[in-house]
């Protein structure tokens, strides 16, 4: 039974990876998907794929780091389909390596894309969501937001902030019918990770890779039931929970995890 018939879903970072998988999932569930990312060509290809499969999709090229474009994205979605039912904040950026290797502007851009934009889009979406019969916001965070991760310090900080914002907003909106959920994946087998394999900290790759479609399934389920947080992999969720409860224990495990991650990295290079 399709769960999103006649509902409109806005997805940022939708041109590839997790965002594209989320779009395919919602479209297969009967949803009308509005795809936002910077690249028009990739969005148009995905629209064509979804329409060929019988779905409904609209491409709205958007740079979420331009906060003035946020309102335009939502307005176009509402004008095209009569409203907005679900917002998925998925767009993300990285700055792997020591913080001092990046300029202030580069670091600020990561913060804007990963944290400021989802906050702003969530705020701007609320008037539309209040008119929906089944409204939801789903934010894609990361297990890196549950424990500090060296050489991904800004990414960790933004995902920690996005996770906390999601929980706080859910409390603010309790009783309104608007669900707010967060999905926190570990390493995912997409270009976001694999295209920069050499710069990925070894400890990250100590955990099994998830697929974009596995994460997308969690996003769709979260839009249905509003569960506050879903994590993948399960082992990564356990480890990060232990890490913030008992940081000294996690620090003791890091050398073992790094060795395991280095072996995994060699396998992925060979692949």
C-alpha atoms as a PDB file:
ATOM      1  CA  UNK A   1       0.000   0.000   0.000  1.00  0.00           C
ATOM      2  CA  UNK A   2       1.530   3.335  -1.065  1.00  0.00           C
ATOM      3  CA  UNK A   3       1.909   5.693   1.876  1.00  0.00           C
ATOM      4  CA  UNK A   4       2.492   9.051   0.158  1.00  0.00           C
ATOM      5  CA  UNK A   5      -0.126   9.285  -2.567  1.00  0.00           C
ATOM      6  CA  UNK A   6      -0.985  12.946  -3.309  1.00  0.00           C
ATOM      7  CA  UNK A   7       1.672  14.199  -0.913  1.00  0.00           C
ATOM      8  CA  UNK A   8       4.517  16.542  -1.808  1.00  0.00           C
ATOM      9  CA  UNK A   9       8.025  15.893  -0.566  1.00  0.00           C
ATOM     10  CA  UNK A  10      10.866  18.422  -0.858  1.00  0.00           C
ATOM     11  CA  UNK A  11      14.334  16.832  -0.805  1.00  0.00           C
ATOM     12  CA  UNK A  12      17.611  18.742  -0.704  1.00  0.00           C
ATOM     13  CA  UNK A  13      20.836  17.213  -1.977  1.00  0.00           C
ATOM     14  CA  UNK A  14      18.651  15.141  -4.270  1.00  0.00           C
ATOM     15  CA  UNK A  15      20.866  14.768  -7.333  1.00  0.00           C
ATOM     16  CA  UNK A  16      22.890  11.750  -6.153  1.00  0.00           C
ATOM     17  CA  UNK A  17      23.602   9.354  -3.305  1.00  0.00           C
ATOM     18  CA  UNK A  18      21.220   9.310  -0.372  1.00  0.00           C
ATOM     19  CA  UNK A  19      19.103  12.173  -1.714  1.00  0.00           C
ATOM     20  CA  UNK A  20      18.459  10.459  -5.047  1.00  0.00           C
ATOM     21  CA  UNK A  21      17.635   7.202  -3.263  1.00  0.00           C
ATOM     22  CA  UNK A  22      15.198   9.067  -0.998  1.00  0.00           C
ATOM     23  CA  UNK A  23      13.526  10.603  -4.051  1.00  0.00           C
ATOM     24  CA  UNK A  24      13.099   7.218  -5.716  1.00  0.00           C
ATOM     25  CA  UNK A  25      11.640   5.732  -2.513  1.00  0.00           C
ATOM     26  CA  UNK A  26       9.092   8.503  -1.980  1.00  0.00           C
ATOM     27  CA  UNK A  27       8.107   8.471  -5.663  1.00  0.00           C
ATOM     28  CA  UNK A  28       7.597   4.705  -5.528  1.00  0.00           C
ATOM     29  CA  UNK A  29       5.295   5.307  -2.546  1.00  0.00           C
ATOM     30  CA  UNK A  30       3.141   7.638  -4.658  1.00  0.00           C
ATOM     31  CA  UNK A  31       4.679  10.915  -3.540  1.00  0.00           C
ATOM     32  CA  UNK A  32       5.287  13.964  -5.711  1.00  0.00           C
ATOM     33  CA  UNK A  33       8.970  14.689  -5.201  1.00  0.00           C
ATOM     34  CA  UNK A  34      10.591  18.099  -5.525  1.00  0.00           C
ATOM     35  CA  UNK A  35      14.303  17.646  -6.129  1.00  0.00           C
ATOM     36  CA  UNK A  36      16.726  20.349  -5.011  1.00  0.00           C
ATOM     37  CA  UNK A  37      20.467  20.449  -5.703  1.00  0.00           C
ATOM     38  CA  UNK A  38      22.887  22.715  -7.533  1.00  0.00           C
ATOM     39  CA  UNK A  39      23.278  20.704 -10.739  1.00  0.00           C
ATOM     40  CA  UNK A  40      20.424  20.940 -13.238  1.00  0.00           C
ATOM     41  CA  UNK A  41      21.637  18.087 -15.470  1.00  0.00           C
ATOM     42  CA  UNK A  42      21.722  15.473 -12.692  1.00  0.00           C
ATOM     43  CA  UNK A  43      18.317  16.579 -11.404  1.00  0.00           C
ATOM     44  CA  UNK A  44      16.797  16.368 -14.867  1.00  0.00           C
ATOM     45  CA  UNK A  45      18.135  12.836 -15.326  1.00  0.00           C
ATOM     46  CA  UNK A  46      16.564  11.773 -12.049  1.00  0.00           C
ATOM     47  CA  UNK A  47      13.257  13.425 -12.952  1.00  0.00           C
ATOM     48  CA  UNK A  48      13.282  11.475 -16.216  1.00  0.00           C
ATOM     49  CA  UNK A  49      14.005   8.222 -14.397  1.00  0.00           C
ATOM     50  CA  UNK A  50      11.198   8.780 -11.878  1.00  0.00           C
ATOM     51  CA  UNK A  51       8.681   9.793 -14.542  1.00  0.00           C
ATOM     52  CA  UNK A  52       9.589   6.799 -16.685  1.00  0.00           C
ATOM     53  CA  UNK A  53       8.756   4.611 -13.693  1.00  0.00           C
ATOM     54  CA  UNK A  54       5.357   6.286 -13.405  1.00  0.00           C
ATOM     55  CA  UNK A  55       6.195   8.802 -10.691  1.00  0.00           C
ATOM     56  CA  UNK A  56       5.870  12.574 -10.432  1.00  0.00           C
ATOM     57  CA  UNK A  57       8.946  14.751  -9.964  1.00  0.00           C
ATOM     58  CA  UNK A  58      10.001  18.380 -10.286  1.00  0.00           C
ATOM     59  CA  UNK A  59      13.579  19.671 -10.453  1.00  0.00           C
ATOM     60  CA  UNK A  60      14.305  22.967  -8.695  1.00  0.00           C
ATOM     61  CA  UNK A  61      18.036  23.761  -8.957  1.00  0.00           C
ATOM     62  CA  UNK A  62      18.954  25.304  -5.605  1.00  0.00           C
ATOM     63  CA  UNK A  63      22.149  26.124  -3.760  1.00  0.00           C
ATOM     64  CA  UNK A  64      21.101  25.735  -0.133  1.00  0.00           C
ATOM     65  CA  UNK A  65      24.134  27.763   0.968  1.00  0.00           C
ATOM     66  CA  UNK A  66      22.292  30.740  -0.552  1.00  0.00           C
ATOM     67  CA  UNK A  67      19.704  31.209   2.166  1.00  0.00           C
ATOM     68  CA  UNK A  68      17.679  33.574  -0.038  1.00  0.00           C
ATOM     69  CA  UNK A  69      17.019  30.640  -2.362  1.00  0.00           C
ATOM     70  CA  UNK A  70      15.370  28.603   0.410  1.00  0.00           C
ATOM     71  CA  UNK A  71      12.051  30.413   0.249  1.00  0.00           C
ATOM     72  CA  UNK A  72      12.028  30.187  -3.528  1.00  0.00           C
ATOM     73  CA  UNK A  73      12.456  26.408  -3.374  1.00  0.00           C
ATOM     74  CA  UNK A  74       9.488  25.993  -1.050  1.00  0.00           C
ATOM     75  CA  UNK A  75       7.332  28.460  -2.973  1.00  0.00           C
ATOM     76  CA  UNK A  76       7.956  26.638  -6.264  1.00  0.00           C
ATOM     77  CA  UNK A  77       7.083  23.308  -4.667  1.00  0.00           C
ATOM     78  CA  UNK A  78       3.845  24.659  -3.197  1.00  0.00           C
ATOM     79  CA  UNK A  79       2.858  26.429  -6.408  1.00  0.00           C
ATOM     80  CA  UNK A  80       3.456  23.308  -8.482  1.00  0.00           C
ATOM     81  CA  UNK A  81       1.610  20.852  -6.245  1.00  0.00           C
ATOM     82  CA  UNK A  82      -0.623  22.880  -3.952  1.00  0.00           C
ATOM     83  CA  UNK A  83       1.334  22.493  -0.744  1.00  0.00           C
ATOM     84  CA  UNK A  84       4.184  20.725   1.054  1.00  0.00           C
ATOM     85  CA  UNK A  85       3.810  17.654   3.257  1.00  0.00           C
ATOM     86  CA  UNK A  86       7.366  16.496   3.958  1.00  0.00           C
ATOM     87  CA  UNK A  87      10.732  18.277   4.055  1.00  0.00           C
ATOM     88  CA  UNK A  88      13.884  16.158   3.887  1.00  0.00           C
ATOM     89  CA  UNK A  89      17.039  18.096   4.742  1.00  0.00           C
ATOM     90  CA  UNK A  90      19.713  15.916   3.196  1.00  0.00           C
ATOM     91  CA  UNK A  91      22.201  18.261   1.482  1.00  0.00           C
ATOM     92  CA  UNK A  92      25.646  17.982   3.022  1.00  0.00           C
ATOM     93  CA  UNK A  93      29.235  19.158   2.661  1.00  0.00           C
ATOM     94  CA  UNK A  94      32.549  18.011   4.099  1.00  0.00           C
ATOM     95  CA  UNK A  95      35.923  19.468   5.081  1.00  0.00           C
ATOM     96  CA  UNK A  96      38.025  16.393   5.747  1.00  0.00           C
ATOM     97  CA  UNK A  97      41.401  16.872   7.348  1.00  0.00           C
ATOM     98  CA  UNK A  98      42.751  19.286   9.979  1.00  0.00           C
ATOM     99  CA  UNK A  99      40.691  22.431  10.483  1.00  0.00           C
ATOM    100  CA  UNK A 100      43.712  24.621   9.772  1.00  0.00           C
ATOM    101  CA  UNK A 101      43.923  23.225   6.222  1.00  0.00           C
ATOM    102  CA  UNK A 102      40.777  25.167   5.313  1.00  0.00           C
ATOM    103  CA  UNK A 103      40.023  28.839   4.991  1.00  0.00           C
ATOM    104  CA  UNK A 104      37.452  30.494   7.194  1.00  0.00           C
ATOM    105  CA  UNK A 105      35.117  30.835   4.197  1.00  0.00           C
ATOM    106  CA  UNK A 106      35.391  27.118   3.382  1.00  0.00           C
ATOM    107  CA  UNK A 107      34.554  26.131   6.938  1.00  0.00           C
ATOM    108  CA  UNK A 108      31.677  28.605   7.087  1.00  0.00           C
ATOM    109  CA  UNK A 109      30.231  27.098   3.896  1.00  0.00           C
ATOM    110  CA  UNK A 110      30.155  23.631   5.492  1.00  0.00           C
ATOM    111  CA  UNK A 111      28.336  25.059   8.520  1.00  0.00           C
ATOM    112  CA  UNK A 112      25.845  26.854   6.283  1.00  0.00           C
ATOM    113  CA  UNK A 113      25.018  23.804   4.152  1.00  0.00           C
ATOM    114  CA  UNK A 114      24.930  21.247   6.962  1.00  0.00           C
ATOM    115  CA  UNK A 115      23.301  23.229   9.755  1.00  0.00           C
ATOM    116  CA  UNK A 116      22.123  26.739   8.912  1.00  0.00           C
ATOM    117  CA  UNK A 117      20.239  25.727   5.757  1.00  0.00           C
ATOM    118  CA  UNK A 118      18.241  22.911   7.430  1.00  0.00           C
ATOM    119  CA  UNK A 119      17.307  25.226  10.284  1.00  0.00           C
ATOM    120  CA  UNK A 120      16.183  27.951   7.894  1.00  0.00           C
ATOM    121  CA  UNK A 121      14.324  25.562   5.573  1.00  0.00           C
ATOM    122  CA  UNK A 122      12.562  23.938   8.527  1.00  0.00           C
ATOM    123  CA  UNK A 123      11.436  27.337   9.771  1.00  0.00           C
ATOM    124  CA  UNK A 124      10.254  28.455   6.344  1.00  0.00           C
ATOM    125  CA  UNK A 125       8.446  25.165   5.728  1.00  0.00           C
ATOM    126  CA  UNK A 126       6.333  25.348   8.893  1.00  0.00           C
ATOM    127  CA  UNK A 127       3.491  27.468   7.447  1.00  0.00           C
ATOM    128  CA  UNK A 128       3.112  24.942   4.618  1.00  0.00           C
ATOM    129  CA  UNK A 129       3.394  21.940   6.915  1.00  0.00           C
ATOM    130  CA  UNK A 130       0.714  23.290   9.259  1.00  0.00           C
ATOM    131  CA  UNK A 131      -1.750  23.015   6.364  1.00  0.00           C
ATOM    132  CA  UNK A 132      -0.847  19.369   5.674  1.00  0.00           C
ATOM    133  CA  UNK A 133      -2.770  16.407   7.036  1.00  0.00           C
ATOM    134  CA  UNK A 134       0.426  14.375   7.534  1.00  0.00           C
ATOM    135  CA  UNK A 135       3.372  16.777   7.896  1.00  0.00           C
ATOM    136  CA  UNK A 136       6.956  15.772   8.676  1.00  0.00           C
ATOM    137  CA  UNK A 137      10.526  17.045   8.698  1.00  0.00           C
ATOM    138  CA  UNK A 138      13.294  14.455   8.398  1.00  0.00           C
ATOM    139  CA  UNK A 139      16.880  15.601   8.855  1.00  0.00           C
ATOM    140  CA  UNK A 140      19.783  13.442   7.684  1.00  0.00           C
ATOM    141  CA  UNK A 141      22.513  13.745  10.307  1.00  0.00           C
ATOM    142  CA  UNK A 142      25.350  11.274  10.959  1.00  0.00           C
ATOM    143  CA  UNK A 143      26.843   9.017  13.597  1.00  0.00           C
ATOM    144  CA  UNK A 144      29.699  11.544  13.457  1.00  0.00           C
ATOM    145  CA  UNK A 145      27.285  13.879  15.207  1.00  0.00           C
ATOM    146  CA  UNK A 146      27.060  11.557  18.205  1.00  0.00           C
ATOM    147  CA  UNK A 147      30.791  11.475  19.010  1.00  0.00           C
ATOM    148  CA  UNK A 148      33.603  13.906  18.094  1.00  0.00           C
ATOM    149  CA  UNK A 149      35.563  12.789  15.052  1.00  0.00           C
ATOM    150  CA  UNK A 150      39.089  14.123  14.510  1.00  0.00           C
ATOM    151  CA  UNK A 151      39.806  15.396  10.981  1.00  0.00           C
ATOM    152  CA  UNK A 152      36.066  15.816  10.493  1.00  0.00           C
ATOM    153  CA  UNK A 153      35.649  18.338  13.297  1.00  0.00           C
ATOM    154  CA  UNK A 154      33.376  20.800  11.512  1.00  0.00           C
ATOM    155  CA  UNK A 155      31.286  18.028   9.972  1.00  0.00           C
ATOM    156  CA  UNK A 156      30.897  16.408  13.410  1.00  0.00           C
ATOM    157  CA  UNK A 157      29.937  19.741  14.935  1.00  0.00           C
ATOM    158  CA  UNK A 158      27.282  20.473  12.308  1.00  0.00           C
ATOM    159  CA  UNK A 159      25.742  17.011  12.507  1.00  0.00           C
ATOM    160  CA  UNK A 160      25.715  17.210  16.315  1.00  0.00           C
ATOM    161  CA  UNK A 161      23.935  20.542  15.960  1.00  0.00           C
ATOM    162  CA  UNK A 162      21.447  19.214  13.404  1.00  0.00           C
ATOM    163  CA  UNK A 163      20.626  16.247  15.616  1.00  0.00           C
ATOM    164  CA  UNK A 164      20.091  18.489  18.646  1.00  0.00           C
ATOM    165  CA  UNK A 165      18.019  20.955  16.619  1.00  0.00           C
ATOM    166  CA  UNK A 166      15.819  18.098  15.427  1.00  0.00           C
ATOM    167  CA  UNK A 167      15.135  16.879  18.963  1.00  0.00           C
ATOM    168  CA  UNK A 168      14.444  20.395  20.247  1.00  0.00           C
ATOM    169  CA  UNK A 169      12.151  21.255  17.328  1.00  0.00           C
ATOM    170  CA  UNK A 170      10.240  18.024  17.876  1.00  0.00           C
ATOM    171  CA  UNK A 171       9.565  19.144  21.451  1.00  0.00           C
ATOM    172  CA  UNK A 172       8.470  22.609  20.302  1.00  0.00           C
ATOM    173  CA  UNK A 173       6.056  21.118  17.787  1.00  0.00           C
ATOM    174  CA  UNK A 174       4.634  18.441  20.071  1.00  0.00           C
ATOM    175  CA  UNK A 175       0.870  18.438  19.754  1.00  0.00           C
ATOM    176  CA  UNK A 176       0.826  20.173  16.358  1.00  0.00           C
ATOM    177  CA  UNK A 177       0.874  16.956  14.335  1.00  0.00           C
ATOM    178  CA  UNK A 178       4.188  17.905  12.674  1.00  0.00           C
ATOM    179  CA  UNK A 179       6.639  15.054  13.085  1.00  0.00           C
ATOM    180  CA  UNK A 180      10.364  15.828  13.323  1.00  0.00           C
ATOM    181  CA  UNK A 181      12.836  12.980  12.986  1.00  0.00           C
ATOM    182  CA  UNK A 182      16.531  12.473  12.378  1.00  0.00           C
ATOM    183  CA  UNK A 183      18.331   9.671  10.551  1.00  0.00           C
ATOM    184  CA  UNK A 184      21.960   9.141  11.578  1.00  0.00           C
ATOM    185  CA  UNK A 185      23.943   6.881   9.236  1.00  0.00           C
ATOM    186  CA  UNK A 186      27.526   5.799   9.584  1.00  0.00           C
ATOM    187  CA  UNK A 187      29.639   5.388   6.432  1.00  0.00           C
ATOM    188  CA  UNK A 188      27.509   5.054   3.309  1.00  0.00           C
ATOM    189  CA  UNK A 189      28.653   3.629  -0.016  1.00  0.00           C
ATOM    190  CA  UNK A 190      28.190   6.791  -2.105  1.00  0.00           C
ATOM    191  CA  UNK A 191      30.454   9.206  -3.914  1.00  0.00           C
ATOM    192  CA  UNK A 192      30.325  11.524  -0.886  1.00  0.00           C
ATOM    193  CA  UNK A 193      32.595   9.019   0.860  1.00  0.00           C
ATOM    194  CA  UNK A 194      34.147   6.845  -1.811  1.00  0.00           C
ATOM    195  CA  UNK A 195      35.287   9.666  -4.098  1.00  0.00           C
ATOM    196  CA  UNK A 196      37.446  11.009  -1.241  1.00  0.00           C
ATOM    197  CA  UNK A 197      38.536   7.671   0.181  1.00  0.00           C
ATOM    198  CA  UNK A 198      42.139   8.667   0.863  1.00  0.00           C
ATOM    199  CA  UNK A 199      41.084  11.566   3.091  1.00  0.00           C
ATOM    200  CA  UNK A 200      38.478   9.594   5.065  1.00  0.00           C
ATOM    201  CA  UNK A 201      39.713   8.893   8.628  1.00  0.00           C
ATOM    202  CA  UNK A 202      40.495   5.195   9.048  1.00  0.00           C
ATOM    203  CA  UNK A 203      38.275   4.941  12.112  1.00  0.00           C
ATOM    204  CA  UNK A 204      35.223   5.796   9.978  1.00  0.00           C
ATOM    205  CA  UNK A 205      35.774   2.743   7.787  1.00  0.00           C
ATOM    206  CA  UNK A 206      35.964   0.391  10.772  1.00  0.00           C
ATOM    207  CA  UNK A 207      32.176   0.229  10.516  1.00  0.00           C
ATOM    208  CA  UNK A 208      30.328  -1.620   7.731  1.00  0.00           C
ATOM    209  CA  UNK A 209      29.164   0.440   4.781  1.00  0.00           C
ATOM    210  CA  UNK A 210      25.446   0.986   4.383  1.00  0.00           C
ATOM    211  CA  UNK A 211      23.790   1.568   1.032  1.00  0.00           C
ATOM    212  CA  UNK A 212      22.035   4.768   0.059  1.00  0.00           C
ATOM    213  CA  UNK A 213      18.803   2.814  -0.332  1.00  0.00           C
ATOM    214  CA  UNK A 214      19.016   1.460   3.229  1.00  0.00           C
ATOM    215  CA  UNK A 215      19.305   5.004   4.546  1.00  0.00           C
ATOM    216  CA  UNK A 216      16.505   6.160   2.238  1.00  0.00           C
ATOM    217  CA  UNK A 217      14.184   3.477   3.602  1.00  0.00           C
ATOM    218  CA  UNK A 218      14.793   4.859   7.095  1.00  0.00           C
ATOM    219  CA  UNK A 219      14.028   8.393   5.933  1.00  0.00           C
ATOM    220  CA  UNK A 220      10.697   7.319   4.450  1.00  0.00           C
ATOM    221  CA  UNK A 221       9.753   5.300   7.537  1.00  0.00           C
ATOM    222  CA  UNK A 222      10.667   8.265   9.754  1.00  0.00           C
ATOM    223  CA  UNK A 223       8.337  10.520   7.757  1.00  0.00           C
ATOM    224  CA  UNK A 224       5.557   8.029   8.485  1.00  0.00           C
ATOM    225  CA  UNK A 225       6.015   7.322  12.187  1.00  0.00           C
ATOM    226  CA  UNK A 226       8.102  10.280  13.398  1.00  0.00           C
ATOM    227  CA  UNK A 227      10.498   8.140  15.417  1.00  0.00           C
ATOM    228  CA  UNK A 228      12.961  10.631  16.884  1.00  0.00           C
ATOM    229  CA  UNK A 229      16.105   8.906  15.598  1.00  0.00           C
ATOM    230  CA  UNK A 230      17.074   5.965  13.427  1.00  0.00           C
ATOM    231  CA  UNK A 231      20.694   4.842  13.165  1.00  0.00           C
ATOM    232  CA  UNK A 232      22.586   2.622  10.755  1.00  0.00           C
ATOM    233  CA  UNK A 233      24.627   0.505  11.199  1.00  0.00           C
ATOM    234  CA  UNK A 234      23.307  -0.961  14.415  1.00  0.00           C
ATOM    235  CA  UNK A 235      26.835  -1.641  15.673  1.00  0.00           C
ATOM    236  CA  UNK A 236      27.836   1.934  14.852  1.00  0.00           C
ATOM    237  CA  UNK A 237      24.872   3.143  16.862  1.00  0.00           C
ATOM    238  CA  UNK A 238      25.939   1.069  19.861  1.00  0.00           C
ATOM    239  CA  UNK A 239      29.539   2.271  19.617  1.00  0.00           C
ATOM    240  CA  UNK A 240      28.633   5.936  19.340  1.00  0.00           C
ATOM    241  CA  UNK A 241      26.198   5.652  22.249  1.00  0.00           C
ATOM    242  CA  UNK A 242      28.966   4.104  24.325  1.00  0.00           C
ATOM    243  CA  UNK A 243      31.348   6.775  23.066  1.00  0.00           C
ATOM    244  CA  UNK A 244      29.405   9.721  24.395  1.00  0.00           C
ATOM    245  CA  UNK A 245      28.515   7.942  27.635  1.00  0.00           C
ATOM    246  CA  UNK A 246      32.040   6.613  28.247  1.00  0.00           C
ATOM    247  CA  UNK A 247      34.481   8.627  26.115  1.00  0.00           C
ATOM    248  CA  UNK A 248      37.574   7.123  27.747  1.00  0.00           C
ATOM    249  CA  UNK A 249      36.463   3.628  26.707  1.00  0.00           C
ATOM    250  CA  UNK A 250      35.976   4.752  23.118  1.00  0.00           C
ATOM    251  CA  UNK A 251      39.407   6.404  23.055  1.00  0.00           C
ATOM    252  CA  UNK A 252      40.926   3.122  24.166  1.00  0.00           C
ATOM    253  CA  UNK A 253      39.205   1.325  21.279  1.00  0.00           C
ATOM    254  CA  UNK A 254      40.236   3.828  18.604  1.00  0.00           C
ATOM    255  CA  UNK A 255      43.621   2.195  17.727  1.00  0.00           C
ATOM    256  CA  UNK A 256      41.894  -1.146  17.140  1.00  0.00           C
ATOM    257  CA  UNK A 257      39.186   0.497  15.053  1.00  0.00           C
ATOM    258  CA  UNK A 258      41.760   2.406  13.002  1.00  0.00           C
ATOM    259  CA  UNK A 259      43.606  -0.805  12.118  1.00  0.00           C
ATOM    260  CA  UNK A 260      40.349  -2.375  11.058  1.00  0.00           C
ATOM    261  CA  UNK A 261      39.488   0.724   9.036  1.00  0.00           C
ATOM    262  CA  UNK A 262      42.844   0.700   7.231  1.00  0.00           C
ATOM    263  CA  UNK A 263      42.260  -2.875   6.121  1.00  0.00           C
ATOM    264  CA  UNK A 264      38.793  -1.977   4.899  1.00  0.00           C
ATOM    265  CA  UNK A 265      40.153   1.047   3.020  1.00  0.00           C
ATOM    266  CA  UNK A 266      42.569  -1.182   1.117  1.00  0.00           C
ATOM    267  CA  UNK A 267      39.700  -3.469   0.123  1.00  0.00           C
ATOM    268  CA  UNK A 268      37.647  -0.525  -1.104  1.00  0.00           C
ATOM    269  CA  UNK A 269      40.585   0.820  -3.128  1.00  0.00           C
ATOM    270  CA  UNK A 270      40.996  -2.558  -4.797  1.00  0.00           C
ATOM    271  CA  UNK A 271      37.278  -2.614  -5.579  1.00  0.00           C
END
